[in-house]
Amino acid sequence: MPSTKARVRRSPEAAKVLFLKCAEELLVSQGLAAVQMRAVARSANVTDAAVAHHFRNRDGLLEALMNQVAAKVRGAIGAAAEAWTGEASTVLQLVSILDDLYSKGYAELAQALYSAGWRETGSPILNPVAETLIATNQNPTIDADDIRRVLATLHMDLALSPIYGAAFQQSVGLKARPTRRVEHLKWWAHTIETMLSDRK
């Protein structure tokens, strides 16, 4: 049933910001399937045509949403990297930030858009983290490419986990249990710390 609330006139930019905000709220609360043009229109209390005017179709809406999400992820990662102290908890914090972002529906959205041909064109999204780890590396046997490969594997693991769950861990005999995810994140942090430590 259409909303009976009075519609507010907004500038094109303000309207676009509102529509993307509504789309992100739908993504987080109900998943990717809920992000539909009509659902966004209802949430924003506008007509379907108003949303279509900005994004043309659902693919356009999802692409704009992913660009916004990528900027948000980049900002969160950059802030964490900037606050780097080299302490063990900071490595775990970096890992946890990524895991939290992908667990909120962003992994499903990224997979859908990638399958549809979407590609990010900006600088590497984890580059701030890579540069920070490279700068704090104390292990002479580990070079910059080694660190980037480990981060790429970490990123892939965290991005796929919300979609496939513990399937990959179970494939090697790790049993699923309520604390497994926390243990897994701590394992990643410990592995990165150990790799970068001076082994003399």
C-alpha atoms as a PDB file:
ATOM      1  CA  MET A   1       0.000   0.000   0.000  1.00  0.00           C
ATOM      2  CA  PRO A   2       1.506   3.388  -1.015  1.00  0.00           C
ATOM      3  CA  SER A   3       2.594   5.737   1.733  1.00  0.00           C
ATOM      4  CA  THR A   4       0.194   8.557   2.585  1.00  0.00           C
ATOM      5  CA  LYS A   5       2.976  10.806   3.907  1.00  0.00           C
ATOM      6  CA  ALA A   6       3.434  14.123   2.135  1.00  0.00           C
ATOM      7  CA  ARG A   7       6.340  13.971  -0.292  1.00  0.00           C
ATOM      8  CA  VAL A   8       9.210  16.401   0.186  1.00  0.00           C
ATOM      9  CA  ARG A   9      10.835  18.222  -2.718  1.00  0.00           C
ATOM     10  CA  ARG A  10      14.605  17.681  -2.708  1.00  0.00           C
ATOM     11  CA  SER A  11      17.500  18.687  -4.906  1.00  0.00           C
ATOM     12  CA  PRO A  12      18.656  15.961  -7.323  1.00  0.00           C
ATOM     13  CA  GLU A  13      21.790  15.370  -5.252  1.00  0.00           C
ATOM     14  CA  ALA A  14      19.883  15.188  -1.959  1.00  0.00           C
ATOM     15  CA  ALA A  15      17.407  12.758  -3.516  1.00  0.00           C
ATOM     16  CA  LYS A  16      20.202  10.503  -4.768  1.00  0.00           C
ATOM     17  CA  VAL A  17      21.839  10.474  -1.328  1.00  0.00           C
ATOM     18  CA  LEU A  18      18.509   9.515   0.244  1.00  0.00           C
ATOM     19  CA  PHE A  19      17.858   6.710  -2.254  1.00  0.00           C
ATOM     20  CA  LEU A  20      21.299   5.201  -1.679  1.00  0.00           C
ATOM     21  CA  LYS A  21      20.816   5.460   2.078  1.00  0.00           C
ATOM     22  CA  CYS A  22      17.521   3.583   1.787  1.00  0.00           C
ATOM     23  CA  ALA A  23      19.124   0.984  -0.493  1.00  0.00           C
ATOM     24  CA  GLU A  24      21.952   0.387   1.962  1.00  0.00           C
ATOM     25  CA  GLU A  25      19.508   0.029   4.860  1.00  0.00           C
ATOM     26  CA  LEU A  26      17.584  -2.591   2.863  1.00  0.00           C
ATOM     27  CA  LEU A  27      20.810  -4.408   2.058  1.00  0.00           C
ATOM     28  CA  VAL A  28      21.930  -4.555   5.681  1.00  0.00           C
ATOM     29  CA  SER A  29      18.539  -5.446   7.156  1.00  0.00           C
ATOM     30  CA  GLN A  30      17.135  -7.829   4.520  1.00  0.00           C
ATOM     31  CA  GLY A  31      19.894  -8.817   2.112  1.00  0.00           C
ATOM     32  CA  LEU A  32      20.615  -8.168  -1.555  1.00  0.00           C
ATOM     33  CA  ALA A  33      17.305  -9.546  -2.861  1.00  0.00           C
ATOM     34  CA  ALA A  34      15.444  -6.825  -0.951  1.00  0.00           C
ATOM     35  CA  VAL A  35      17.252  -4.019  -2.789  1.00  0.00           C
ATOM     36  CA  GLN A  36      14.646  -3.344  -5.462  1.00  0.00           C
ATOM     37  CA  MET A  37      13.678  -0.089  -7.158  1.00  0.00           C
ATOM     38  CA  ARG A  38      10.145  -0.198  -5.751  1.00  0.00           C
ATOM     39  CA  ALA A  39      11.346  -1.021  -2.231  1.00  0.00           C
ATOM     40  CA  VAL A  40      13.728   1.939  -2.296  1.00  0.00           C
ATOM     41  CA  ALA A  41      10.951   4.190  -3.579  1.00  0.00           C
ATOM     42  CA  ARG A  42       8.624   3.123  -0.778  1.00  0.00           C
ATOM     43  CA  SER A  43      11.312   3.575   1.841  1.00  0.00           C
ATOM     44  CA  ALA A  44      12.083   7.067   0.538  1.00  0.00           C
ATOM     45  CA  ASN A  45       8.374   7.887   0.074  1.00  0.00           C
ATOM     46  CA  VAL A  46       8.745   8.721  -3.616  1.00  0.00           C
ATOM     47  CA  THR A  47       7.454   7.272  -6.871  1.00  0.00           C
ATOM     48  CA  ASP A  48       9.207   4.423  -8.661  1.00  0.00           C
ATOM     49  CA  ALA A  49       9.904   6.847 -11.498  1.00  0.00           C
ATOM     50  CA  ALA A  50      11.836   9.151  -9.175  1.00  0.00           C
ATOM     51  CA  VAL A  51      14.279   6.375  -8.342  1.00  0.00           C
ATOM     52  CA  ALA A  52      14.477   5.273 -11.989  1.00  0.00           C
ATOM     53  CA  HIS A  53      15.290   8.863 -12.991  1.00  0.00           C
ATOM     54  CA  HIS A  54      18.567   8.651 -11.044  1.00  0.00           C
ATOM     55  CA  PHE A  55      19.597   5.029 -11.632  1.00  0.00           C
ATOM     56  CA  ARG A  56      17.543   3.917 -14.684  1.00  0.00           C
ATOM     57  CA  ASN A  57      17.235   0.321 -13.469  1.00  0.00           C
ATOM     58  CA  ARG A  58      18.198  -2.021 -10.639  1.00  0.00           C
ATOM     59  CA  ASP A  59      21.642  -2.677 -12.104  1.00  0.00           C
ATOM     60  CA  GLY A  60      22.330   1.053 -12.059  1.00  0.00           C
ATOM     61  CA  LEU A  61      21.107   1.284  -8.479  1.00  0.00           C
ATOM     62  CA  LEU A  62      23.305  -1.621  -7.381  1.00  0.00           C
ATOM     63  CA  GLU A  63      26.360  -0.201  -9.129  1.00  0.00           C
ATOM     64  CA  ALA A  64      25.899   3.178  -7.433  1.00  0.00           C
ATOM     65  CA  LEU A  65      25.364   1.419  -4.118  1.00  0.00           C
ATOM     66  CA  MET A  66      28.541  -0.636  -4.568  1.00  0.00           C
ATOM     67  CA  ASN A  67      30.557   2.485  -5.369  1.00  0.00           C
ATOM     68  CA  GLN A  68      29.251   4.044  -2.171  1.00  0.00           C
ATOM     69  CA  VAL A  69      29.989   0.899  -0.173  1.00  0.00           C
ATOM     70  CA  ALA A  70      33.502   0.709  -1.636  1.00  0.00           C
ATOM     71  CA  ALA A  71      34.130   4.295  -0.539  1.00  0.00           C
ATOM     72  CA  LYS A  72      32.879   3.448   2.943  1.00  0.00           C
ATOM     73  CA  VAL A  73      35.044   0.330   3.141  1.00  0.00           C
ATOM     74  CA  ARG A  74      38.045   2.294   1.871  1.00  0.00           C
ATOM     75  CA  GLY A  75      37.468   4.955   4.524  1.00  0.00           C
ATOM     76  CA  ALA A  76      37.165   2.399   7.322  1.00  0.00           C
ATOM     77  CA  ILE A  77      40.294   0.561   6.213  1.00  0.00           C
ATOM     78  CA  GLY A  78      42.226   3.790   5.785  1.00  0.00           C
ATOM     79  CA  ALA A  79      41.261   4.953   9.274  1.00  0.00           C
ATOM     80  CA  ALA A  80      42.370   1.651  10.782  1.00  0.00           C
ATOM     81  CA  ALA A  81      45.665   1.718   8.909  1.00  0.00           C
ATOM     82  CA  GLU A  82      46.298   5.323   9.936  1.00  0.00           C
ATOM     83  CA  ALA A  83      45.812   4.376  13.588  1.00  0.00           C
ATOM     84  CA  TRP A  84      48.293   1.476  13.278  1.00  0.00           C
ATOM     85  CA  THR A  85      50.465   0.926  16.349  1.00  0.00           C
ATOM     86  CA  GLY A  86      52.019  -2.442  15.594  1.00  0.00           C
ATOM     87  CA  GLU A  87      50.330  -4.041  18.607  1.00  0.00           C
ATOM     88  CA  ALA A  88      48.679  -7.461  18.308  1.00  0.00           C
ATOM     89  CA  SER A  89      45.221  -6.047  18.954  1.00  0.00           C
ATOM     90  CA  THR A  90      45.603  -3.657  16.035  1.00  0.00           C
ATOM     91  CA  VAL A  91      46.172  -6.495  13.572  1.00  0.00           C
ATOM     92  CA  LEU A  92      43.054  -8.200  14.903  1.00  0.00           C
ATOM     93  CA  GLN A  93      41.190  -4.899  14.605  1.00  0.00           C
ATOM     94  CA  LEU A  94      42.103  -4.628  10.922  1.00  0.00           C
ATOM     95  CA  VAL A  95      40.908  -8.182  10.304  1.00  0.00           C
ATOM     96  CA  SER A  96      37.714  -7.637  12.310  1.00  0.00           C
ATOM     97  CA  ILE A  97      36.831  -4.427  10.436  1.00  0.00           C
ATOM     98  CA  LEU A  98      36.900  -6.265   7.109  1.00  0.00           C
ATOM     99  CA  ASP A  99      34.973  -9.225   8.479  1.00  0.00           C
ATOM    100  CA  ASP A 100      32.292  -6.971   9.956  1.00  0.00           C
ATOM    101  CA  LEU A 101      31.812  -5.028   6.722  1.00  0.00           C
ATOM    102  CA  TYR A 102      31.426  -8.113   4.562  1.00  0.00           C
ATOM    103  CA  SER A 103      29.090  -9.812   7.042  1.00  0.00           C
ATOM    104  CA  LYS A 104      26.569  -6.956   6.629  1.00  0.00           C
ATOM    105  CA  GLY A 105      25.487  -7.965   3.140  1.00  0.00           C
ATOM    106  CA  TYR A 106      28.320  -6.337   1.229  1.00  0.00           C
ATOM    107  CA  ALA A 107      29.879  -9.678   0.249  1.00  0.00           C
ATOM    108  CA  GLU A 108      26.696 -10.764  -1.551  1.00  0.00           C
ATOM    109  CA  LEU A 109      26.419  -7.407  -3.301  1.00  0.00           C
ATOM    110  CA  ALA A 110      30.062  -7.451  -4.397  1.00  0.00           C
ATOM    111  CA  GLN A 111      29.700 -10.968  -5.802  1.00  0.00           C
ATOM    112  CA  ALA A 112      26.533 -10.102  -7.725  1.00  0.00           C
ATOM    113  CA  LEU A 113      28.019  -6.967  -9.241  1.00  0.00           C
ATOM    114  CA  TYR A 114      31.311  -8.647 -10.104  1.00  0.00           C
ATOM    115  CA  SER A 115      29.383 -11.390 -11.913  1.00  0.00           C
ATOM    116  CA  ALA A 116      27.497  -8.670 -13.786  1.00  0.00           C
ATOM    117  CA  GLY A 117      30.759  -7.114 -14.995  1.00  0.00           C
ATOM    118  CA  TRP A 118      31.272  -4.361 -12.384  1.00  0.00           C
ATOM    119  CA  ARG A 119      34.910  -3.551 -11.606  1.00  0.00           C
ATOM    120  CA  GLU A 120      36.344  -1.019  -9.185  1.00  0.00           C
ATOM    121  CA  THR A 121      38.514   1.490 -11.024  1.00  0.00           C
ATOM    122  CA  GLY A 122      40.146   3.280  -8.089  1.00  0.00           C
ATOM    123  CA  SER A 123      43.400   2.484  -6.330  1.00  0.00           C
ATOM    124  CA  PRO A 124      43.660  -0.951  -4.630  1.00  0.00           C
ATOM    125  CA  ILE A 125      41.223  -0.887  -1.719  1.00  0.00           C
ATOM    126  CA  LEU A 126      43.571  -2.660   0.710  1.00  0.00           C
ATOM    127  CA  ASN A 127      46.651  -0.689  -0.320  1.00  0.00           C
ATOM    128  CA  PRO A 128      46.681   1.398   2.924  1.00  0.00           C
ATOM    129  CA  VAL A 129      46.817  -1.814   4.952  1.00  0.00           C
ATOM    130  CA  ALA A 130      49.475  -3.339   2.688  1.00  0.00           C
ATOM    131  CA  GLU A 131      51.668  -0.245   2.927  1.00  0.00           C
ATOM    132  CA  THR A 132      51.297  -0.176   6.714  1.00  0.00           C
ATOM    133  CA  LEU A 133      52.256  -3.829   7.092  1.00  0.00           C
ATOM    134  CA  ILE A 134      55.177  -3.453   4.686  1.00  0.00           C
ATOM    135  CA  ALA A 135      56.471  -0.510   6.731  1.00  0.00           C
ATOM    136  CA  THR A 136      56.281  -2.472   9.999  1.00  0.00           C
ATOM    137  CA  ASN A 137      57.762  -5.693   8.609  1.00  0.00           C
ATOM    138  CA  GLN A 138      60.759  -6.867  10.645  1.00  0.00           C
ATOM    139  CA  ASN A 139      61.277 -10.190   8.880  1.00  0.00           C
ATOM    140  CA  PRO A 140      64.075 -10.007   6.272  1.00  0.00           C
ATOM    141  CA  THR A 141      62.810 -13.187   4.577  1.00  0.00           C
ATOM    142  CA  ILE A 142      59.430 -11.582   3.801  1.00  0.00           C
ATOM    143  CA  ASP A 143      59.159  -8.996   1.020  1.00  0.00           C
ATOM    144  CA  ALA A 144      56.393  -6.623  -0.063  1.00  0.00           C
ATOM    145  CA  ASP A 145      54.885  -9.068  -2.557  1.00  0.00           C
ATOM    146  CA  ASP A 146      54.671 -11.767   0.128  1.00  0.00           C
ATOM    147  CA  ILE A 147      52.673  -9.395   2.312  1.00  0.00           C
ATOM    148  CA  ARG A 148      50.368  -8.404  -0.543  1.00  0.00           C
ATOM    149  CA  ARG A 149      49.702 -12.060  -1.391  1.00  0.00           C
ATOM    150  CA  VAL A 150      48.768 -12.852   2.208  1.00  0.00           C
ATOM    151  CA  LEU A 151      46.457  -9.822   2.327  1.00  0.00           C
ATOM    152  CA  ALA A 152      44.832 -10.863  -0.956  1.00  0.00           C
ATOM    153  CA  THR A 153      44.165 -14.314   0.514  1.00  0.00           C
ATOM    154  CA  LEU A 154      42.790 -12.772   3.713  1.00  0.00           C
ATOM    155  CA  HIS A 155      40.520 -10.486   1.690  1.00  0.00           C
ATOM    156  CA  MET A 156      39.214 -13.389  -0.391  1.00  0.00           C
ATOM    157  CA  ASP A 157      38.573 -15.474   2.734  1.00  0.00           C
ATOM    158  CA  LEU A 158      36.660 -12.730   4.539  1.00  0.00           C
ATOM    159  CA  ALA A 159      34.647 -11.794   1.439  1.00  0.00           C
ATOM    160  CA  LEU A 160      33.584 -15.381   0.695  1.00  0.00           C
ATOM    161  CA  SER A 161      32.810 -16.468   4.266  1.00  0.00           C
ATOM    162  CA  PRO A 162      29.392 -14.716   4.481  1.00  0.00           C
ATOM    163  CA  ILE A 163      28.368 -16.452   1.238  1.00  0.00           C
ATOM    164  CA  TYR A 164      29.747 -19.960   1.764  1.00  0.00           C
ATOM    165  CA  GLY A 165      29.941 -20.059   5.548  1.00  0.00           C
ATOM    166  CA  ALA A 166      32.374 -22.583   7.003  1.00  0.00           C
ATOM    167  CA  ALA A 167      32.285 -24.859   3.944  1.00  0.00           C
ATOM    168  CA  PHE A 168      35.943 -24.332   3.053  1.00  0.00           C
ATOM    169  CA  GLN A 169      37.105 -24.860   6.637  1.00  0.00           C
ATOM    170  CA  GLN A 170      34.996 -27.997   6.918  1.00  0.00           C
ATOM    171  CA  SER A 171      36.517 -29.295   3.676  1.00  0.00           C
ATOM    172  CA  VAL A 172      39.827 -29.745   5.516  1.00  0.00           C
ATOM    173  CA  GLY A 173      38.324 -31.246   8.656  1.00  0.00           C
ATOM    174  CA  LEU A 174      37.739 -28.158  10.805  1.00  0.00           C
ATOM    175  CA  LYS A 175      34.476 -28.680  12.657  1.00  0.00           C
ATOM    176  CA  ALA A 176      31.878 -25.911  12.827  1.00  0.00           C
ATOM    177  CA  ARG A 177      31.116 -24.520  16.264  1.00  0.00           C
ATOM    178  CA  PRO A 178      29.789 -21.183  17.608  1.00  0.00           C
ATOM    179  CA  THR A 179      33.255 -19.832  18.452  1.00  0.00           C
ATOM    180  CA  ARG A 180      34.881 -20.912  15.182  1.00  0.00           C
ATOM    181  CA  ARG A 181      34.591 -17.491  13.502  1.00  0.00           C
ATOM    182  CA  VAL A 182      36.250 -15.633  16.377  1.00  0.00           C
ATOM    183  CA  GLU A 183      39.014 -18.233  16.492  1.00  0.00           C
ATOM    184  CA  HIS A 184      39.487 -17.917  12.738  1.00  0.00           C
ATOM    185  CA  LEU A 185      39.918 -14.138  12.901  1.00  0.00           C
ATOM    186  CA  LYS A 186      42.404 -14.479  15.759  1.00  0.00           C
ATOM    187  CA  TRP A 187      44.289 -17.071  13.719  1.00  0.00           C
ATOM    188  CA  TRP A 188      44.585 -14.628  10.822  1.00  0.00           C
ATOM    189  CA  ALA A 189      45.879 -11.879  13.123  1.00  0.00           C
ATOM    190  CA  HIS A 190      48.406 -14.238  14.722  1.00  0.00           C
ATOM    191  CA  THR A 191      49.557 -15.517  11.324  1.00  0.00           C
ATOM    192  CA  ILE A 192      50.187 -11.994  10.023  1.00  0.00           C
ATOM    193  CA  GLU A 193      51.992 -10.943  13.211  1.00  0.00           C
ATOM    194  CA  THR A 194      54.201 -14.040  13.123  1.00  0.00           C
ATOM    195  CA  MET A 195      55.018 -13.537   9.456  1.00  0.00           C
ATOM    196  CA  LEU A 196      56.187  -9.962  10.082  1.00  0.00           C
ATOM    197  CA  SER A 197      58.143 -10.614  13.275  1.00  0.00           C
ATOM    198  CA  ASP A 198      61.941 -10.702  13.480  1.00  0.00           C
ATOM    199  CA  ARG A 199      62.881 -14.383  13.649  1.00  0.00           C
ATOM    200  CA  LYS A 200      66.526 -13.914  14.590  1.00  0.00           C
END
